[in-house]
N, C-alpha and C. Protein backbone atom coordinates (compact mmCIF):
# COMPACT_ATOMS: atom_id res chain seq x y z
N MET A 1 -19.33 -32.42 -26.35
CA MET A 1 -18.38 -33.32 -25.76
C MET A 1 -17.25 -32.52 -25.14
N SER A 2 -17.18 -32.55 -23.91
CA SER A 2 -16.12 -31.84 -23.23
C SER A 2 -15.10 -32.83 -22.71
N ARG A 3 -13.94 -32.33 -22.57
CA ARG A 3 -12.88 -33.18 -22.07
C ARG A 3 -13.07 -33.37 -20.57
N PRO A 4 -12.69 -34.50 -20.05
CA PRO A 4 -12.90 -34.75 -18.63
C PRO A 4 -12.06 -33.85 -17.74
N GLY A 5 -10.92 -33.36 -18.12
CA GLY A 5 -10.04 -32.56 -17.27
C GLY A 5 -10.31 -31.07 -17.34
N SER A 6 -11.10 -30.60 -18.29
CA SER A 6 -11.31 -29.16 -18.44
C SER A 6 -12.55 -28.71 -17.65
N ARG A 7 -12.49 -27.51 -17.20
CA ARG A 7 -13.61 -26.93 -16.46
C ARG A 7 -14.48 -26.12 -17.39
N ARG A 8 -15.71 -26.01 -17.02
CA ARG A 8 -16.60 -25.18 -17.77
C ARG A 8 -16.42 -23.74 -17.31
N LYS A 9 -16.30 -22.81 -18.20
CA LYS A 9 -16.08 -21.41 -17.87
C LYS A 9 -17.39 -20.81 -17.32
N GLN A 10 -17.29 -20.17 -16.15
CA GLN A 10 -18.47 -19.59 -15.54
C GLN A 10 -18.71 -18.19 -16.10
N MET A 11 -19.96 -17.87 -16.25
CA MET A 11 -20.33 -16.54 -16.72
C MET A 11 -20.78 -15.73 -15.51
N ALA A 12 -20.19 -14.54 -15.37
CA ALA A 12 -20.54 -13.67 -14.25
C ALA A 12 -21.48 -12.58 -14.74
N GLU A 13 -22.72 -12.64 -14.31
CA GLU A 13 -23.70 -11.63 -14.66
C GLU A 13 -24.27 -11.04 -13.38
N ILE A 14 -24.51 -9.74 -13.42
CA ILE A 14 -25.11 -9.07 -12.28
C ILE A 14 -26.56 -8.80 -12.64
N ASN A 15 -27.43 -9.22 -11.76
CA ASN A 15 -28.85 -8.98 -11.97
C ASN A 15 -29.14 -7.56 -11.47
N VAL A 16 -29.43 -6.63 -12.36
CA VAL A 16 -29.62 -5.23 -12.00
C VAL A 16 -31.06 -4.86 -11.68
N VAL A 17 -31.98 -5.77 -11.86
CA VAL A 17 -33.39 -5.47 -11.60
C VAL A 17 -33.63 -5.05 -10.15
N PRO A 18 -33.07 -5.73 -9.14
CA PRO A 18 -33.28 -5.26 -7.76
C PRO A 18 -32.69 -3.87 -7.52
N TYR A 19 -31.57 -3.55 -8.15
CA TYR A 19 -30.97 -2.23 -7.98
C TYR A 19 -31.85 -1.14 -8.58
N ILE A 20 -32.48 -1.42 -9.70
CA ILE A 20 -33.38 -0.47 -10.32
C ILE A 20 -34.59 -0.24 -9.42
N ASP A 21 -35.11 -1.30 -8.83
CA ASP A 21 -36.26 -1.17 -7.93
C ASP A 21 -35.92 -0.31 -6.72
N VAL A 22 -34.76 -0.55 -6.11
CA VAL A 22 -34.35 0.22 -4.95
C VAL A 22 -34.13 1.69 -5.33
N THR A 23 -33.52 1.94 -6.47
CA THR A 23 -33.28 3.30 -6.94
C THR A 23 -34.61 4.02 -7.18
N PHE A 24 -35.58 3.32 -7.74
CA PHE A 24 -36.88 3.93 -8.00
C PHE A 24 -37.59 4.29 -6.69
N VAL A 25 -37.52 3.41 -5.69
CA VAL A 25 -38.13 3.69 -4.39
C VAL A 25 -37.45 4.89 -3.73
N LEU A 26 -36.11 4.95 -3.77
CA LEU A 26 -35.39 6.09 -3.19
C LEU A 26 -35.75 7.40 -3.90
N LEU A 27 -35.89 7.34 -5.20
CA LEU A 27 -36.26 8.53 -5.96
C LEU A 27 -37.63 9.05 -5.51
N ILE A 28 -38.57 8.15 -5.33
CA ILE A 28 -39.90 8.55 -4.87
C ILE A 28 -39.83 9.15 -3.47
N ILE A 29 -39.06 8.53 -2.58
CA ILE A 29 -38.92 9.05 -1.21
C ILE A 29 -38.34 10.46 -1.23
N PHE A 30 -37.30 10.69 -2.01
CA PHE A 30 -36.68 12.02 -2.08
C PHE A 30 -37.63 13.05 -2.69
N MET A 31 -38.40 12.65 -3.68
CA MET A 31 -39.34 13.59 -4.29
C MET A 31 -40.45 13.98 -3.32
N VAL A 32 -40.86 13.06 -2.46
CA VAL A 32 -41.92 13.36 -1.50
C VAL A 32 -41.39 14.21 -0.36
N THR A 33 -40.17 13.95 0.12
CA THR A 33 -39.64 14.65 1.28
C THR A 33 -38.97 15.98 0.94
N ALA A 34 -38.61 16.24 -0.30
CA ALA A 34 -37.92 17.48 -0.66
C ALA A 34 -38.71 18.73 -0.31
N PRO A 35 -40.01 18.81 -0.58
CA PRO A 35 -40.74 20.03 -0.19
C PRO A 35 -40.81 20.22 1.33
N LEU A 36 -40.76 19.16 2.09
CA LEU A 36 -40.82 19.27 3.54
C LEU A 36 -39.55 19.85 4.13
N VAL A 37 -38.43 19.64 3.47
CA VAL A 37 -37.15 20.14 3.96
C VAL A 37 -37.05 21.65 3.84
N GLN A 38 -37.76 22.26 2.93
CA GLN A 38 -37.64 23.68 2.66
C GLN A 38 -38.47 24.56 3.58
N THR A 39 -39.18 23.99 4.53
CA THR A 39 -39.97 24.81 5.44
C THR A 39 -39.07 25.44 6.48
N GLY A 40 -39.51 26.56 7.04
CA GLY A 40 -38.72 27.29 8.02
C GLY A 40 -38.89 26.73 9.42
N VAL A 41 -37.88 26.97 10.24
CA VAL A 41 -37.89 26.55 11.63
C VAL A 41 -37.55 27.76 12.47
N GLU A 42 -38.25 27.94 13.59
CA GLU A 42 -37.96 29.06 14.47
C GLU A 42 -36.65 28.80 15.21
N ILE A 43 -35.71 29.75 15.12
CA ILE A 43 -34.44 29.62 15.80
C ILE A 43 -34.08 30.95 16.45
N ASP A 44 -33.19 30.90 17.41
CA ASP A 44 -32.68 32.10 18.06
C ASP A 44 -31.31 32.40 17.46
N LEU A 45 -31.23 33.34 16.54
CA LEU A 45 -30.00 33.59 15.78
C LEU A 45 -28.79 34.05 16.58
N PRO A 46 -28.91 34.88 17.59
CA PRO A 46 -27.70 35.39 18.20
C PRO A 46 -26.79 34.33 18.82
N GLN A 47 -27.35 33.22 19.29
CA GLN A 47 -26.51 32.18 19.86
C GLN A 47 -26.38 31.06 18.85
N ALA A 48 -25.15 30.65 18.57
CA ALA A 48 -24.94 29.59 17.60
C ALA A 48 -23.68 28.81 17.96
N ASP A 49 -23.73 27.53 17.66
CA ASP A 49 -22.57 26.68 17.86
C ASP A 49 -21.76 26.73 16.56
N SER A 50 -20.89 27.69 16.47
CA SER A 50 -20.13 27.88 15.24
C SER A 50 -18.65 27.98 15.57
N GLN A 51 -17.87 27.82 14.55
CA GLN A 51 -16.43 27.89 14.72
C GLN A 51 -15.96 29.33 14.58
N ALA A 52 -14.88 29.62 15.26
CA ALA A 52 -14.31 30.96 15.19
C ALA A 52 -13.66 31.16 13.82
N VAL A 53 -13.74 32.38 13.33
CA VAL A 53 -13.14 32.73 12.04
C VAL A 53 -11.65 32.98 12.25
N GLU A 54 -10.85 32.53 11.30
CA GLU A 54 -9.41 32.75 11.40
C GLU A 54 -9.10 34.23 11.35
N GLN A 55 -8.26 34.68 12.26
CA GLN A 55 -7.86 36.09 12.30
C GLN A 55 -6.71 36.30 11.33
N LYS A 56 -6.92 37.14 10.36
CA LYS A 56 -5.86 37.45 9.38
C LYS A 56 -5.16 38.72 9.82
N GLU A 57 -4.20 39.16 9.02
CA GLU A 57 -3.46 40.37 9.41
C GLU A 57 -4.33 41.62 9.34
N ASP A 58 -5.34 41.62 8.45
CA ASP A 58 -6.24 42.76 8.35
C ASP A 58 -7.32 42.66 9.43
N LEU A 59 -7.52 43.73 10.18
CA LEU A 59 -8.59 43.75 11.16
C LEU A 59 -9.92 43.85 10.43
N PRO A 60 -10.94 43.13 10.88
CA PRO A 60 -12.22 43.18 10.16
C PRO A 60 -12.99 44.48 10.44
N VAL A 61 -13.89 44.80 9.55
CA VAL A 61 -14.83 45.89 9.75
C VAL A 61 -16.07 45.26 10.38
N ILE A 62 -16.47 45.79 11.54
CA ILE A 62 -17.63 45.23 12.24
C ILE A 62 -18.72 46.30 12.30
N VAL A 63 -19.85 45.97 11.70
CA VAL A 63 -21.01 46.85 11.73
C VAL A 63 -21.94 46.33 12.83
N SER A 64 -22.24 47.17 13.81
CA SER A 64 -23.10 46.76 14.92
C SER A 64 -24.44 47.48 14.83
N ILE A 65 -25.50 46.75 15.22
CA ILE A 65 -26.84 47.32 15.27
C ILE A 65 -27.37 47.04 16.67
N ASP A 66 -27.68 48.11 17.41
CA ASP A 66 -28.20 47.89 18.76
C ASP A 66 -29.71 47.67 18.72
N LYS A 67 -30.31 47.38 19.87
CA LYS A 67 -31.73 47.04 19.87
C LYS A 67 -32.63 48.22 19.49
N ALA A 68 -32.12 49.43 19.58
CA ALA A 68 -32.88 50.60 19.15
C ALA A 68 -32.78 50.82 17.64
N GLY A 69 -31.92 50.05 16.96
CA GLY A 69 -31.77 50.17 15.51
C GLY A 69 -30.70 51.15 15.07
N ARG A 70 -29.86 51.62 16.01
CA ARG A 70 -28.78 52.54 15.65
C ARG A 70 -27.59 51.75 15.12
N TYR A 71 -26.84 52.38 14.21
CA TYR A 71 -25.68 51.74 13.60
C TYR A 71 -24.39 52.23 14.25
N PHE A 72 -23.45 51.28 14.38
CA PHE A 72 -22.11 51.60 14.86
C PHE A 72 -21.13 50.87 13.96
N VAL A 73 -19.98 51.48 13.76
CA VAL A 73 -18.96 50.85 12.92
C VAL A 73 -17.65 50.77 13.70
N ASP A 74 -16.98 49.65 13.57
CA ASP A 74 -15.70 49.40 14.21
C ASP A 74 -14.69 49.11 13.10
N ILE A 75 -13.88 50.11 12.78
CA ILE A 75 -12.88 49.98 11.73
C ILE A 75 -11.50 50.07 12.38
N GLY A 76 -10.83 48.95 12.47
CA GLY A 76 -9.49 48.93 13.03
C GLY A 76 -9.45 49.43 14.46
N ASN A 77 -8.83 50.61 14.67
CA ASN A 77 -8.65 51.16 16.01
C ASN A 77 -9.85 51.98 16.49
N GLN A 78 -10.75 52.35 15.60
CA GLN A 78 -11.93 53.13 15.98
C GLN A 78 -12.98 52.16 16.53
N GLN A 79 -13.26 52.25 17.81
CA GLN A 79 -14.17 51.31 18.46
C GLN A 79 -15.61 51.81 18.44
N ASP A 80 -16.52 51.08 17.81
CA ASP A 80 -17.95 51.32 17.82
C ASP A 80 -18.34 52.80 17.77
N GLU A 81 -18.05 53.40 16.66
CA GLU A 81 -18.39 54.81 16.44
C GLU A 81 -19.81 54.90 15.88
N PRO A 82 -20.70 55.69 16.48
CA PRO A 82 -22.06 55.80 15.94
C PRO A 82 -22.06 56.51 14.59
N VAL A 83 -22.81 55.95 13.62
CA VAL A 83 -22.88 56.52 12.27
C VAL A 83 -24.31 56.42 11.75
N GLN A 84 -24.59 57.22 10.73
CA GLN A 84 -25.86 57.13 10.01
C GLN A 84 -25.72 56.06 8.93
N ALA A 85 -26.83 55.61 8.35
CA ALA A 85 -26.81 54.52 7.37
C ALA A 85 -25.98 54.86 6.14
N ASN A 86 -26.13 56.07 5.59
CA ASN A 86 -25.38 56.42 4.38
C ASN A 86 -23.89 56.61 4.68
N GLU A 87 -23.56 57.11 5.86
CA GLU A 87 -22.15 57.28 6.24
C GLU A 87 -21.49 55.92 6.46
N LEU A 88 -22.26 54.96 6.94
CA LEU A 88 -21.75 53.61 7.15
C LEU A 88 -21.25 53.01 5.84
N LEU A 89 -22.05 53.13 4.78
CA LEU A 89 -21.66 52.58 3.49
C LEU A 89 -20.44 53.27 2.92
N ILE A 90 -20.34 54.59 3.11
CA ILE A 90 -19.19 55.34 2.61
C ILE A 90 -17.92 54.88 3.30
N ARG A 91 -17.97 54.70 4.63
CA ARG A 91 -16.78 54.28 5.37
C ARG A 91 -16.34 52.87 5.00
N VAL A 92 -17.30 51.96 4.89
CA VAL A 92 -16.95 50.59 4.54
C VAL A 92 -16.37 50.53 3.12
N ALA A 93 -16.97 51.26 2.19
CA ALA A 93 -16.45 51.29 0.82
C ALA A 93 -15.04 51.87 0.77
N ALA A 94 -14.74 52.87 1.60
CA ALA A 94 -13.40 53.46 1.63
C ALA A 94 -12.38 52.45 2.14
N VAL A 95 -12.74 51.68 3.15
CA VAL A 95 -11.82 50.66 3.68
C VAL A 95 -11.55 49.61 2.61
N LEU A 96 -12.60 49.20 1.91
CA LEU A 96 -12.43 48.15 0.89
C LEU A 96 -11.67 48.65 -0.34
N ARG A 97 -11.70 49.94 -0.61
CA ARG A 97 -10.89 50.46 -1.71
C ARG A 97 -9.41 50.33 -1.39
N ASN A 98 -9.04 50.61 -0.13
CA ASN A 98 -7.64 50.51 0.28
C ASN A 98 -7.20 49.06 0.47
N LYS A 99 -8.05 48.26 1.10
CA LYS A 99 -7.75 46.84 1.36
C LYS A 99 -8.95 46.00 0.96
N PRO A 100 -8.99 45.51 -0.29
CA PRO A 100 -10.17 44.80 -0.79
C PRO A 100 -10.48 43.49 -0.07
N LYS A 101 -9.51 42.88 0.56
CA LYS A 101 -9.73 41.58 1.21
C LYS A 101 -10.12 41.71 2.68
N THR A 102 -10.45 42.91 3.13
CA THR A 102 -10.85 43.12 4.51
C THR A 102 -12.20 42.45 4.76
N PRO A 103 -12.29 41.57 5.78
CA PRO A 103 -13.57 40.93 6.07
C PRO A 103 -14.55 41.92 6.73
N VAL A 104 -15.83 41.74 6.42
CA VAL A 104 -16.88 42.60 6.97
C VAL A 104 -17.87 41.70 7.72
N PHE A 105 -18.17 42.07 8.98
CA PHE A 105 -19.11 41.31 9.80
C PHE A 105 -20.21 42.22 10.32
N ILE A 106 -21.38 41.62 10.53
CA ILE A 106 -22.50 42.34 11.14
C ILE A 106 -22.75 41.72 12.51
N ARG A 107 -22.80 42.58 13.51
CA ARG A 107 -23.10 42.15 14.88
C ARG A 107 -24.40 42.82 15.28
N GLY A 108 -25.47 42.04 15.33
CA GLY A 108 -26.78 42.58 15.65
C GLY A 108 -27.26 42.11 17.01
N ASP A 109 -27.90 42.99 17.74
CA ASP A 109 -28.50 42.64 19.02
C ASP A 109 -29.61 41.61 18.78
N HIS A 110 -29.80 40.69 19.71
CA HIS A 110 -30.80 39.65 19.49
C HIS A 110 -32.22 40.18 19.50
N GLN A 111 -32.44 41.42 19.94
CA GLN A 111 -33.77 42.01 19.93
C GLN A 111 -34.01 42.90 18.72
N VAL A 112 -33.00 43.08 17.88
CA VAL A 112 -33.16 43.94 16.72
C VAL A 112 -34.03 43.22 15.67
N ASN A 113 -34.79 43.98 14.93
CA ASN A 113 -35.64 43.45 13.88
C ASN A 113 -34.78 42.79 12.81
N TYR A 114 -35.16 41.57 12.41
CA TYR A 114 -34.39 40.82 11.41
C TYR A 114 -34.31 41.58 10.09
N GLY A 115 -35.36 42.30 9.74
CA GLY A 115 -35.36 43.08 8.50
C GLY A 115 -34.29 44.15 8.49
N LYS A 116 -33.96 44.69 9.65
CA LYS A 116 -32.91 45.71 9.76
C LYS A 116 -31.56 45.10 9.39
N VAL A 117 -31.29 43.88 9.88
CA VAL A 117 -30.03 43.19 9.57
C VAL A 117 -29.95 42.87 8.08
N VAL A 118 -31.04 42.39 7.50
CA VAL A 118 -31.06 42.05 6.07
C VAL A 118 -30.87 43.30 5.23
N THR A 119 -31.46 44.41 5.65
CA THR A 119 -31.30 45.67 4.92
C THR A 119 -29.84 46.11 4.90
N VAL A 120 -29.17 45.99 6.06
CA VAL A 120 -27.74 46.35 6.12
C VAL A 120 -26.92 45.42 5.25
N MET A 121 -27.24 44.12 5.27
CA MET A 121 -26.50 43.16 4.43
C MET A 121 -26.65 43.52 2.95
N ALA A 122 -27.86 43.82 2.52
CA ALA A 122 -28.10 44.16 1.12
C ALA A 122 -27.39 45.45 0.74
N ALA A 123 -27.41 46.43 1.63
CA ALA A 123 -26.73 47.70 1.34
C ALA A 123 -25.22 47.50 1.24
N LEU A 124 -24.66 46.67 2.11
CA LEU A 124 -23.23 46.39 2.03
C LEU A 124 -22.88 45.66 0.74
N LYS A 125 -23.71 44.74 0.32
CA LYS A 125 -23.47 44.04 -0.95
C LYS A 125 -23.51 45.03 -2.11
N ASN A 126 -24.48 45.95 -2.08
CA ASN A 126 -24.57 46.95 -3.15
C ASN A 126 -23.40 47.93 -3.12
N ALA A 127 -22.78 48.10 -1.95
CA ALA A 127 -21.62 48.99 -1.83
C ALA A 127 -20.33 48.32 -2.29
N GLY A 128 -20.40 47.03 -2.64
CA GLY A 128 -19.22 46.35 -3.17
C GLY A 128 -18.55 45.39 -2.21
N VAL A 129 -19.18 45.07 -1.11
CA VAL A 129 -18.61 44.10 -0.17
C VAL A 129 -18.83 42.71 -0.75
N PRO A 130 -17.74 41.93 -0.97
CA PRO A 130 -17.90 40.62 -1.60
C PRO A 130 -18.63 39.60 -0.73
N SER A 131 -18.38 39.61 0.57
CA SER A 131 -19.08 38.68 1.46
C SER A 131 -19.24 39.32 2.83
N VAL A 132 -20.38 39.03 3.45
CA VAL A 132 -20.71 39.60 4.75
C VAL A 132 -20.93 38.45 5.72
N GLY A 133 -20.28 38.52 6.89
CA GLY A 133 -20.45 37.49 7.90
C GLY A 133 -21.33 37.99 9.03
N LEU A 134 -22.02 37.06 9.67
CA LEU A 134 -22.86 37.38 10.82
C LEU A 134 -22.16 36.92 12.09
N MET A 135 -22.02 37.80 13.08
CA MET A 135 -21.39 37.43 14.33
C MET A 135 -22.45 36.90 15.28
N THR A 136 -22.11 35.83 15.99
CA THR A 136 -23.00 35.25 16.98
C THR A 136 -22.23 35.04 18.27
N SER A 137 -22.95 34.82 19.34
CA SER A 137 -22.31 34.50 20.61
C SER A 137 -22.46 33.01 20.85
N PRO A 138 -21.50 32.38 21.51
CA PRO A 138 -21.62 30.94 21.76
C PRO A 138 -22.73 30.65 22.76
N PHE A 139 -23.18 29.42 22.79
CA PHE A 139 -24.21 29.02 23.74
C PHE A 139 -23.70 29.18 25.15
N GLU A 140 -24.56 29.66 26.01
CA GLU A 140 -24.21 29.79 27.42
C GLU A 140 -24.53 28.49 28.12
N GLU A 141 -23.57 27.97 28.86
CA GLU A 141 -23.79 26.68 29.53
C GLU A 141 -24.02 26.89 30.99
């Protein structure tokens, strides 16, 4: 027996069964497509649509590799000095001992073997360089 002037209190329930169904379908879709995302795509590395790096007060160390596979190092005022592989690591390590926050970049010719660039990156990491950047040229329009 309810009073004529009182309202019946409504119960608010959310039916979660459709949400569970949608979540299950999305989970299956992601599980099927995840292996497809990890495949490689052929790209031309030297040209990239990337943002310029902020210039700090420290000049970066730039390691260049020409198409013949020769190494050059640009440390501050010394412009592209030819060096051997072991001398390159010694010079970069010396700069980082004096200024540990100095950025290090690799500038490789687009015809250089990719393995050569990876070898230099690994050697720089082993020499104590915290992070190595790759320099690219912008797209030509």
